[in-house]
Amino acid sequence: MTLTVTLPTVEDTHAFGRRLAEVLRAGDLLLLTGPLGAGKTALTQGIGAGLGVLGAITSPTFVIARVHRPDPARGGTVALVHADAYRLGDAADPRAEIDDLDLDASVDDSVTVVEWGEGLVEQLVDAHLRVRLDRREDDTRLVELEPVGGDWARRLAALR
């Protein structure tokens, strides 16, 4: 079961991220793919808002990964790890660089969102959510969520 959603504005992308956060829990891995400017970070900002985490969520392209701790005052109970594997794709051994990030050390206790991580981080968990984003000429975003194992299909049904 794949869920496809059209999001007319960046605000809609944020709002959908907040809705998606409602079905997320510690141990979840989301792999975000799509061209530059498709809305991967905007979606993650919405997820962070929905999870009630601390700190502004910005693209981690140059720092590779950021950890956003939960803010109990905002209802947060689980951390968000936001990583970007874009710059790792040209490495001789990108999987070794992923290993150096120690994402496996936090994956069980956090929601982990990895931009450009397809083919690099799936082995961290038994099940994950593949999220493909595309930006059309009129700036609307098309988001396709594909569950890979686990109970993702049931959880995505709650978003329909």
N, C-alpha and C. Protein backbone atom coordinates (compact mmCIF):
# COMPACT_ATOMS: atom_id res chain seq x y z
N MET A 1 0.84 -1.18 0.00
CA MET A 1 0.00 0.00 0.00
C MET A 1 0.88 1.24 0.00
N THR A 2 0.74 2.05 -1.01
CA THR A 2 1.45 3.31 -1.11
C THR A 2 0.44 4.43 -0.94
N LEU A 3 0.81 5.43 -0.18
CA LEU A 3 -0.04 6.60 0.02
C LEU A 3 0.58 7.76 -0.73
N THR A 4 -0.21 8.42 -1.59
CA THR A 4 0.26 9.57 -2.34
C THR A 4 -0.57 10.78 -1.96
N VAL A 5 0.13 11.88 -1.66
CA VAL A 5 -0.54 13.11 -1.21
C VAL A 5 0.01 14.28 -2.03
N THR A 6 -0.88 15.16 -2.45
CA THR A 6 -0.48 16.38 -3.13
C THR A 6 -0.53 17.52 -2.12
N LEU A 7 0.56 18.28 -2.04
CA LEU A 7 0.67 19.37 -1.07
C LEU A 7 0.92 20.67 -1.84
N PRO A 8 -0.10 21.54 -1.93
CA PRO A 8 0.01 22.75 -2.74
C PRO A 8 1.05 23.77 -2.27
N THR A 9 1.31 23.85 -0.97
CA THR A 9 2.21 24.89 -0.47
C THR A 9 3.22 24.30 0.52
N VAL A 10 4.22 25.10 0.83
CA VAL A 10 5.19 24.68 1.85
C VAL A 10 4.48 24.52 3.19
N GLU A 11 3.52 25.39 3.47
CA GLU A 11 2.75 25.28 4.72
C GLU A 11 2.00 23.96 4.78
N ASP A 12 1.47 23.52 3.64
CA ASP A 12 0.80 22.21 3.58
C ASP A 12 1.80 21.08 3.83
N THR A 13 3.02 21.25 3.36
CA THR A 13 4.07 20.25 3.58
C THR A 13 4.38 20.17 5.07
N HIS A 14 4.51 21.32 5.73
CA HIS A 14 4.71 21.34 7.18
C HIS A 14 3.56 20.66 7.90
N ALA A 15 2.34 21.00 7.50
CA ALA A 15 1.16 20.44 8.16
C ALA A 15 1.10 18.92 7.97
N PHE A 16 1.44 18.44 6.79
CA PHE A 16 1.44 17.00 6.57
C PHE A 16 2.52 16.33 7.43
N GLY A 17 3.68 16.98 7.58
CA GLY A 17 4.72 16.45 8.46
C GLY A 17 4.22 16.33 9.90
N ARG A 18 3.45 17.32 10.36
CA ARG A 18 2.87 17.25 11.72
C ARG A 18 1.90 16.08 11.82
N ARG A 19 1.08 15.87 10.80
CA ARG A 19 0.16 14.72 10.79
C ARG A 19 0.92 13.40 10.78
N LEU A 20 1.96 13.33 9.98
CA LEU A 20 2.77 12.12 9.91
C LEU A 20 3.40 11.83 11.27
N ALA A 21 3.83 12.86 11.98
CA ALA A 21 4.44 12.69 13.31
C ALA A 21 3.50 11.98 14.28
N GLU A 22 2.20 12.13 14.07
CA GLU A 22 1.22 11.50 14.97
C GLU A 22 1.29 9.98 14.92
N VAL A 23 1.79 9.40 13.82
CA VAL A 23 1.87 7.94 13.72
C VAL A 23 3.29 7.42 13.91
N LEU A 24 4.22 8.33 14.24
CA LEU A 24 5.62 7.93 14.42
C LEU A 24 5.91 7.59 15.87
N ARG A 25 6.94 6.76 16.06
CA ARG A 25 7.36 6.38 17.41
C ARG A 25 8.85 6.08 17.40
N ALA A 26 9.42 5.99 18.57
CA ALA A 26 10.84 5.68 18.69
C ALA A 26 11.14 4.39 17.93
N GLY A 27 12.25 4.39 17.22
CA GLY A 27 12.66 3.24 16.43
C GLY A 27 12.30 3.35 14.96
N ASP A 28 11.53 4.39 14.59
CA ASP A 28 11.14 4.55 13.20
C ASP A 28 12.25 5.17 12.36
N LEU A 29 12.38 4.67 11.15
CA LEU A 29 13.34 5.19 10.18
C LEU A 29 12.57 5.62 8.95
N LEU A 30 12.78 6.86 8.53
CA LEU A 30 12.17 7.40 7.32
C LEU A 30 13.29 7.76 6.36
N LEU A 31 13.18 7.28 5.12
CA LEU A 31 14.15 7.59 4.07
C LEU A 31 13.50 8.56 3.10
N LEU A 32 14.02 9.78 3.03
CA LEU A 32 13.45 10.81 2.17
C LEU A 32 14.29 10.93 0.92
N THR A 33 13.63 10.83 -0.24
CA THR A 33 14.32 11.00 -1.52
C THR A 33 13.55 12.02 -2.34
N GLY A 34 14.26 12.61 -3.27
CA GLY A 34 13.65 13.59 -4.17
C GLY A 34 14.69 14.62 -4.56
N PRO A 35 14.42 15.36 -5.63
CA PRO A 35 15.38 16.35 -6.09
C PRO A 35 15.54 17.50 -5.10
N LEU A 36 16.61 18.26 -5.29
CA LEU A 36 16.81 19.45 -4.47
C LEU A 36 15.58 20.35 -4.58
N GLY A 37 15.15 20.87 -3.44
CA GLY A 37 14.00 21.77 -3.42
C GLY A 37 12.65 21.09 -3.44
N ALA A 38 12.62 19.76 -3.31
CA ALA A 38 11.36 19.04 -3.35
C ALA A 38 10.57 19.14 -2.06
N GLY A 39 11.22 19.51 -0.96
CA GLY A 39 10.50 19.67 0.30
C GLY A 39 10.89 18.70 1.39
N LYS A 40 12.03 18.03 1.24
CA LYS A 40 12.47 17.06 2.25
C LYS A 40 12.66 17.72 3.61
N THR A 41 13.35 18.83 3.64
CA THR A 41 13.58 19.51 4.93
C THR A 41 12.29 20.13 5.43
N ALA A 42 11.45 20.66 4.55
CA ALA A 42 10.16 21.24 4.98
C ALA A 42 9.30 20.16 5.63
N LEU A 43 9.28 18.96 5.06
CA LEU A 43 8.52 17.87 5.66
C LEU A 43 9.09 17.52 7.02
N THR A 44 10.41 17.48 7.12
CA THR A 44 11.06 17.16 8.39
C THR A 44 10.78 18.23 9.43
N GLN A 45 10.69 19.49 9.02
CA GLN A 45 10.33 20.56 9.96
C GLN A 45 8.95 20.30 10.54
N GLY A 46 8.02 19.87 9.70
CA GLY A 46 6.69 19.54 10.20
C GLY A 46 6.71 18.34 11.14
N ILE A 47 7.51 17.34 10.80
CA ILE A 47 7.65 16.17 11.68
C ILE A 47 8.19 16.61 13.04
N GLY A 48 9.23 17.45 13.02
CA GLY A 48 9.81 17.94 14.27
C GLY A 48 8.80 18.71 15.11
N ALA A 49 8.00 19.55 14.44
CA ALA A 49 6.96 20.29 15.16
C ALA A 49 5.95 19.33 15.77
N GLY A 50 5.57 18.32 15.01
CA GLY A 50 4.60 17.34 15.51
C GLY A 50 5.14 16.50 16.65
N LEU A 51 6.45 16.24 16.62
CA LEU A 51 7.08 15.47 17.70
C LEU A 51 7.37 16.34 18.93
N GLY A 52 7.33 17.66 18.76
CA GLY A 52 7.61 18.56 19.87
C GLY A 52 9.06 18.54 20.29
N VAL A 53 9.96 18.70 19.29
CA VAL A 53 11.39 18.67 19.60
C VAL A 53 11.95 20.08 19.71
N LEU A 54 13.12 20.17 20.33
CA LEU A 54 13.82 21.44 20.52
C LEU A 54 14.63 21.81 19.28
N GLY A 55 14.79 23.09 19.07
CA GLY A 55 15.69 23.59 18.04
C GLY A 55 15.03 23.72 16.68
N ALA A 56 15.58 24.66 15.92
CA ALA A 56 15.11 24.87 14.56
C ALA A 56 15.63 23.75 13.68
N ILE A 57 14.78 23.22 12.84
CA ILE A 57 15.18 22.14 11.95
C ILE A 57 15.56 22.77 10.62
N THR A 58 16.83 22.63 10.29
CA THR A 58 17.36 23.13 9.04
C THR A 58 18.05 21.99 8.31
N SER A 59 18.35 22.21 7.06
CA SER A 59 19.00 21.16 6.28
C SER A 59 20.34 20.79 6.91
N PRO A 60 20.56 19.50 7.16
CA PRO A 60 21.83 19.08 7.76
C PRO A 60 22.91 18.77 6.73
N THR A 61 22.80 19.32 5.52
CA THR A 61 23.72 18.98 4.45
C THR A 61 25.19 19.13 4.85
N PHE A 62 25.54 20.18 5.55
CA PHE A 62 26.95 20.42 5.84
C PHE A 62 27.39 19.85 7.18
N VAL A 63 26.46 19.61 8.09
CA VAL A 63 26.84 18.99 9.36
C VAL A 63 26.54 17.50 9.35
N ILE A 64 25.89 17.03 8.33
CA ILE A 64 25.51 15.64 8.07
C ILE A 64 24.38 15.16 8.97
N ALA A 65 24.42 15.41 10.28
CA ALA A 65 23.35 14.92 11.15
C ALA A 65 23.16 15.85 12.35
N ARG A 66 21.90 15.99 12.74
CA ARG A 66 21.56 16.77 13.93
C ARG A 66 20.61 15.94 14.79
N VAL A 67 20.74 16.10 16.10
CA VAL A 67 19.83 15.46 17.04
C VAL A 67 19.00 16.55 17.69
N HIS A 68 17.69 16.41 17.62
CA HIS A 68 16.76 17.35 18.24
C HIS A 68 16.09 16.63 19.40
N ARG A 69 16.40 17.05 20.60
CA ARG A 69 15.86 16.43 21.81
C ARG A 69 14.39 16.79 21.98
N PRO A 70 13.63 15.92 22.63
CA PRO A 70 12.22 16.24 22.87
C PRO A 70 12.09 17.39 23.87
N ASP A 71 11.08 18.21 23.66
CA ASP A 71 10.78 19.32 24.56
C ASP A 71 9.50 18.97 25.31
N PRO A 72 9.61 18.54 26.58
CA PRO A 72 8.40 18.16 27.34
C PRO A 72 7.37 19.29 27.40
N ALA A 73 7.81 20.53 27.37
CA ALA A 73 6.87 21.66 27.41
C ALA A 73 6.02 21.71 26.15
N ARG A 74 6.50 21.13 25.05
CA ARG A 74 5.74 21.08 23.80
C ARG A 74 5.14 19.70 23.57
N GLY A 75 5.17 18.86 24.60
CA GLY A 75 4.60 17.52 24.48
C GLY A 75 5.54 16.50 23.90
N GLY A 76 6.81 16.88 23.72
CA GLY A 76 7.78 15.97 23.12
C GLY A 76 8.20 14.85 24.04
N THR A 77 8.26 13.65 23.49
CA THR A 77 8.69 12.48 24.27
C THR A 77 9.78 11.68 23.57
N VAL A 78 10.03 11.97 22.30
CA VAL A 78 11.02 11.21 21.54
C VAL A 78 11.89 12.17 20.73
N ALA A 79 13.18 11.86 20.63
CA ALA A 79 14.11 12.69 19.88
C ALA A 79 13.94 12.47 18.39
N LEU A 80 14.36 13.46 17.62
CA LEU A 80 14.41 13.38 16.17
C LEU A 80 15.86 13.47 15.74
N VAL A 81 16.33 12.46 15.01
CA VAL A 81 17.65 12.50 14.40
C VAL A 81 17.42 12.80 12.93
N HIS A 82 18.00 13.89 12.45
CA HIS A 82 17.83 14.33 11.07
C HIS A 82 19.20 14.29 10.40
N ALA A 83 19.34 13.41 9.43
CA ALA A 83 20.62 13.23 8.76
C ALA A 83 20.46 13.46 7.26
N ASP A 84 21.56 13.82 6.62
CA ASP A 84 21.57 14.06 5.19
C ASP A 84 22.76 13.33 4.60
N ALA A 85 22.49 12.35 3.76
CA ALA A 85 23.57 11.54 3.18
C ALA A 85 23.97 12.04 1.79
N TYR A 86 23.49 13.21 1.40
CA TYR A 86 23.76 13.74 0.05
C TYR A 86 25.25 13.79 -0.26
N ARG A 87 26.03 14.35 0.63
CA ARG A 87 27.47 14.49 0.38
C ARG A 87 28.22 13.18 0.54
N LEU A 88 27.57 12.17 1.10
CA LEU A 88 28.25 10.89 1.30
C LEU A 88 28.21 10.02 0.05
N GLY A 89 27.32 10.31 -0.87
CA GLY A 89 27.15 9.48 -2.05
C GLY A 89 28.38 9.41 -2.94
N ASP A 90 29.25 10.41 -2.90
CA ASP A 90 30.44 10.42 -3.74
C ASP A 90 31.64 9.77 -3.07
N ALA A 91 31.50 9.38 -1.83
CA ALA A 91 32.62 8.77 -1.10
C ALA A 91 32.93 7.40 -1.68
N ALA A 92 34.18 6.97 -1.52
CA ALA A 92 34.58 5.66 -2.00
C ALA A 92 33.75 4.57 -1.32
N ASP A 93 33.46 4.75 -0.03
CA ASP A 93 32.66 3.79 0.71
C ASP A 93 31.64 4.55 1.56
N PRO A 94 30.52 4.97 0.95
CA PRO A 94 29.54 5.77 1.69
C PRO A 94 28.96 5.03 2.90
N ARG A 95 28.88 3.71 2.85
CA ARG A 95 28.34 2.97 4.00
C ARG A 95 29.26 3.10 5.21
N ALA A 96 30.56 3.18 4.98
CA ALA A 96 31.48 3.38 6.09
C ALA A 96 31.26 4.75 6.71
N GLU A 97 30.99 5.76 5.89
CA GLU A 97 30.71 7.08 6.42
C GLU A 97 29.40 7.09 7.20
N ILE A 98 28.41 6.36 6.72
CA ILE A 98 27.15 6.23 7.46
C ILE A 98 27.44 5.57 8.81
N ASP A 99 28.25 4.53 8.82
CA ASP A 99 28.61 3.86 10.07
C ASP A 99 29.27 4.84 11.04
N ASP A 100 30.10 5.75 10.50
CA ASP A 100 30.77 6.74 11.35
C ASP A 100 29.79 7.69 12.03
N LEU A 101 28.59 7.85 11.46
CA LEU A 101 27.59 8.73 12.07
C LEU A 101 26.95 8.11 13.30
N ASP A 102 27.14 6.81 13.50
CA ASP A 102 26.58 6.08 14.65
C ASP A 102 25.06 6.20 14.74
N LEU A 103 24.40 6.21 13.60
CA LEU A 103 22.94 6.27 13.62
C LEU A 103 22.35 5.06 14.33
N ASP A 104 23.06 3.94 14.27
CA ASP A 104 22.55 2.74 14.93
C ASP A 104 22.52 2.89 16.45
N ALA A 105 23.31 3.81 16.98
CA ALA A 105 23.34 4.02 18.44
C ALA A 105 22.07 4.71 18.93
N SER A 106 21.39 5.46 18.05
CA SER A 106 20.21 6.22 18.48
C SER A 106 18.92 5.77 17.82
N VAL A 107 19.00 4.88 16.84
CA VAL A 107 17.82 4.54 16.04
C VAL A 107 16.70 3.94 16.88
N ASP A 108 17.00 3.18 17.91
CA ASP A 108 15.95 2.57 18.72
C ASP A 108 15.21 3.57 19.61
N ASP A 109 15.87 4.67 19.96
CA ASP A 109 15.30 5.63 20.90
C ASP A 109 14.78 6.89 20.23
N SER A 110 14.88 6.98 18.92
CA SER A 110 14.55 8.21 18.21
C SER A 110 13.72 7.91 16.97
N VAL A 111 13.14 8.95 16.42
CA VAL A 111 12.65 8.91 15.06
C VAL A 111 13.81 9.40 14.22
N THR A 112 14.23 8.60 13.25
CA THR A 112 15.39 8.94 12.42
C THR A 112 14.92 9.22 11.00
N VAL A 113 15.24 10.43 10.53
CA VAL A 113 14.89 10.85 9.18
C VAL A 113 16.20 11.06 8.44
N VAL A 114 16.37 10.33 7.33
CA VAL A 114 17.60 10.45 6.55
C VAL A 114 17.25 10.89 5.14
N GLU A 115 17.71 12.08 4.78
CA GLU A 115 17.56 12.57 3.42
C GLU A 115 18.65 11.93 2.57
N TRP A 116 18.29 11.51 1.36
CA TRP A 116 19.23 10.90 0.42
C TRP A 116 19.85 9.61 0.97
N GLY A 117 19.15 8.90 1.83
CA GLY A 117 19.73 7.73 2.48
C GLY A 117 19.41 6.40 1.84
N GLU A 118 18.60 6.41 0.79
CA GLU A 118 18.20 5.15 0.16
C GLU A 118 19.43 4.39 -0.34
N GLY A 119 19.48 3.12 0.00
CA GLY A 119 20.60 2.27 -0.37
C GLY A 119 21.76 2.33 0.60
N LEU A 120 21.61 3.17 1.66
CA LEU A 120 22.71 3.35 2.61
C LEU A 120 22.35 2.99 4.05
N VAL A 121 21.08 3.17 4.45
CA VAL A 121 20.76 3.02 5.87
C VAL A 121 19.64 2.03 6.18
N GLU A 122 19.08 1.41 5.18
CA GLU A 122 17.96 0.50 5.42
C GLU A 122 18.29 -0.60 6.41
N GLN A 123 19.54 -1.00 6.45
CA GLN A 123 19.96 -2.11 7.32
C GLN A 123 19.90 -1.76 8.81
N LEU A 124 19.65 -0.51 9.14
CA LEU A 124 19.59 -0.10 10.54
C LEU A 124 18.39 -0.69 11.28
N VAL A 125 17.31 -0.96 10.54
CA VAL A 125 16.07 -1.45 11.16
C VAL A 125 15.45 -2.53 10.27
N ASP A 126 14.51 -3.26 10.83
CA ASP A 126 13.82 -4.30 10.06
C ASP A 126 12.77 -3.72 9.11
N ALA A 127 12.19 -2.58 9.46
CA ALA A 127 11.14 -1.97 8.66
C ALA A 127 11.39 -0.46 8.61
N HIS A 128 11.00 0.15 7.49
CA HIS A 128 11.17 1.60 7.38
C HIS A 128 10.10 2.17 6.45
N LEU A 129 10.07 3.49 6.37
CA LEU A 129 9.14 4.18 5.50
C LEU A 129 9.93 4.93 4.43
N ARG A 130 9.66 4.61 3.18
CA ARG A 130 10.29 5.29 2.06
C ARG A 130 9.38 6.46 1.67
N VAL A 131 9.94 7.67 1.65
CA VAL A 131 9.16 8.87 1.34
C VAL A 131 9.81 9.54 0.14
N ARG A 132 9.08 9.56 -0.95
CA ARG A 132 9.57 10.21 -2.17
C ARG A 132 8.82 11.52 -2.36
N LEU A 133 9.58 12.59 -2.56
CA LEU A 133 8.98 13.91 -2.77
C LEU A 133 9.39 14.41 -4.14
N ASP A 134 8.46 15.07 -4.78
CA ASP A 134 8.74 15.69 -6.06
C ASP A 134 8.07 17.05 -6.08
N ARG A 135 8.70 18.00 -6.73
CA ARG A 135 8.16 19.35 -6.84
C ARG A 135 7.78 19.61 -8.28
N ARG A 136 6.54 19.95 -8.49
CA ARG A 136 6.05 20.21 -9.84
C ARG A 136 6.38 21.64 -10.25
N GLU A 137 6.16 21.94 -11.51
CA GLU A 137 6.45 23.28 -12.03
C GLU A 137 5.66 24.38 -11.32
N ASP A 138 4.45 24.04 -10.84
CA ASP A 138 3.63 25.04 -10.14
C ASP A 138 3.95 25.10 -8.65
N ASP A 139 5.05 24.46 -8.21
CA ASP A 139 5.55 24.43 -6.84
C ASP A 139 4.75 23.54 -5.90
N THR A 140 3.75 22.83 -6.39
CA THR A 140 3.09 21.85 -5.53
C THR A 140 4.04 20.68 -5.33
N ARG A 141 3.90 20.03 -4.20
CA ARG A 141 4.72 18.85 -3.89
C ARG A 141 3.85 17.61 -4.00
N LEU A 142 4.43 16.57 -4.54
CA LEU A 142 3.79 15.28 -4.58
C LEU A 142 4.61 14.38 -3.65
N VAL A 143 3.94 13.83 -2.64
CA VAL A 143 4.62 13.00 -1.65
C VAL A 143 4.06 11.59 -1.76
N GLU A 144 4.96 10.63 -1.91
CA GLU A 144 4.58 9.22 -1.97
C GLU A 144 5.22 8.50 -0.81
N LEU A 145 4.39 7.89 0.03
CA LEU A 145 4.88 7.14 1.18
C LEU A 145 4.72 5.66 0.91
N GLU A 146 5.83 4.94 0.99
CA GLU A 146 5.83 3.50 0.72
C GLU A 146 6.33 2.74 1.95
N PRO A 147 5.44 1.96 2.57
CA PRO A 147 5.86 1.19 3.73
C PRO A 147 6.73 0.01 3.31
N VAL A 148 7.78 -0.24 4.08
CA VAL A 148 8.65 -1.38 3.83
C VAL A 148 8.70 -2.19 5.13
N GLY A 149 7.86 -3.21 5.20
CA GLY A 149 7.83 -4.09 6.37
C GLY A 149 7.11 -3.50 7.56
N GLY A 150 7.11 -4.26 8.63
CA GLY A 150 6.51 -3.83 9.89
C GLY A 150 5.04 -3.51 9.77
N ASP A 151 4.59 -2.60 10.62
CA ASP A 151 3.17 -2.21 10.64
C ASP A 151 2.93 -0.86 9.96
N TRP A 152 3.84 -0.47 9.08
CA TRP A 152 3.74 0.82 8.41
C TRP A 152 2.44 0.98 7.62
N ALA A 153 2.01 -0.08 6.92
CA ALA A 153 0.78 0.02 6.13
C ALA A 153 -0.41 0.37 7.01
N ARG A 154 -0.51 -0.26 8.17
CA ARG A 154 -1.62 0.03 9.09
C ARG A 154 -1.53 1.47 9.59
N ARG A 155 -0.33 1.91 9.93
CA ARG A 155 -0.17 3.28 10.44
C ARG A 155 -0.47 4.31 9.36
N LEU A 156 -0.07 4.03 8.11
CA LEU A 156 -0.34 4.98 7.03
C LEU A 156 -1.83 5.07 6.73
N ALA A 157 -2.56 3.99 6.97
CA ALA A 157 -4.01 4.01 6.75
C ALA A 157 -4.67 5.08 7.62
N ALA A 158 -4.08 5.37 8.77
CA ALA A 158 -4.62 6.40 9.66
C ALA A 158 -4.47 7.80 9.08
N LEU A 159 -3.61 7.96 8.06
CA LEU A 159 -3.39 9.27 7.46
C LEU A 159 -4.32 9.55 6.29
N ARG A 160 -5.03 8.56 5.86
CA ARG A 160 -5.93 8.75 4.69
C ARG A 160 -7.08 9.67 4.99
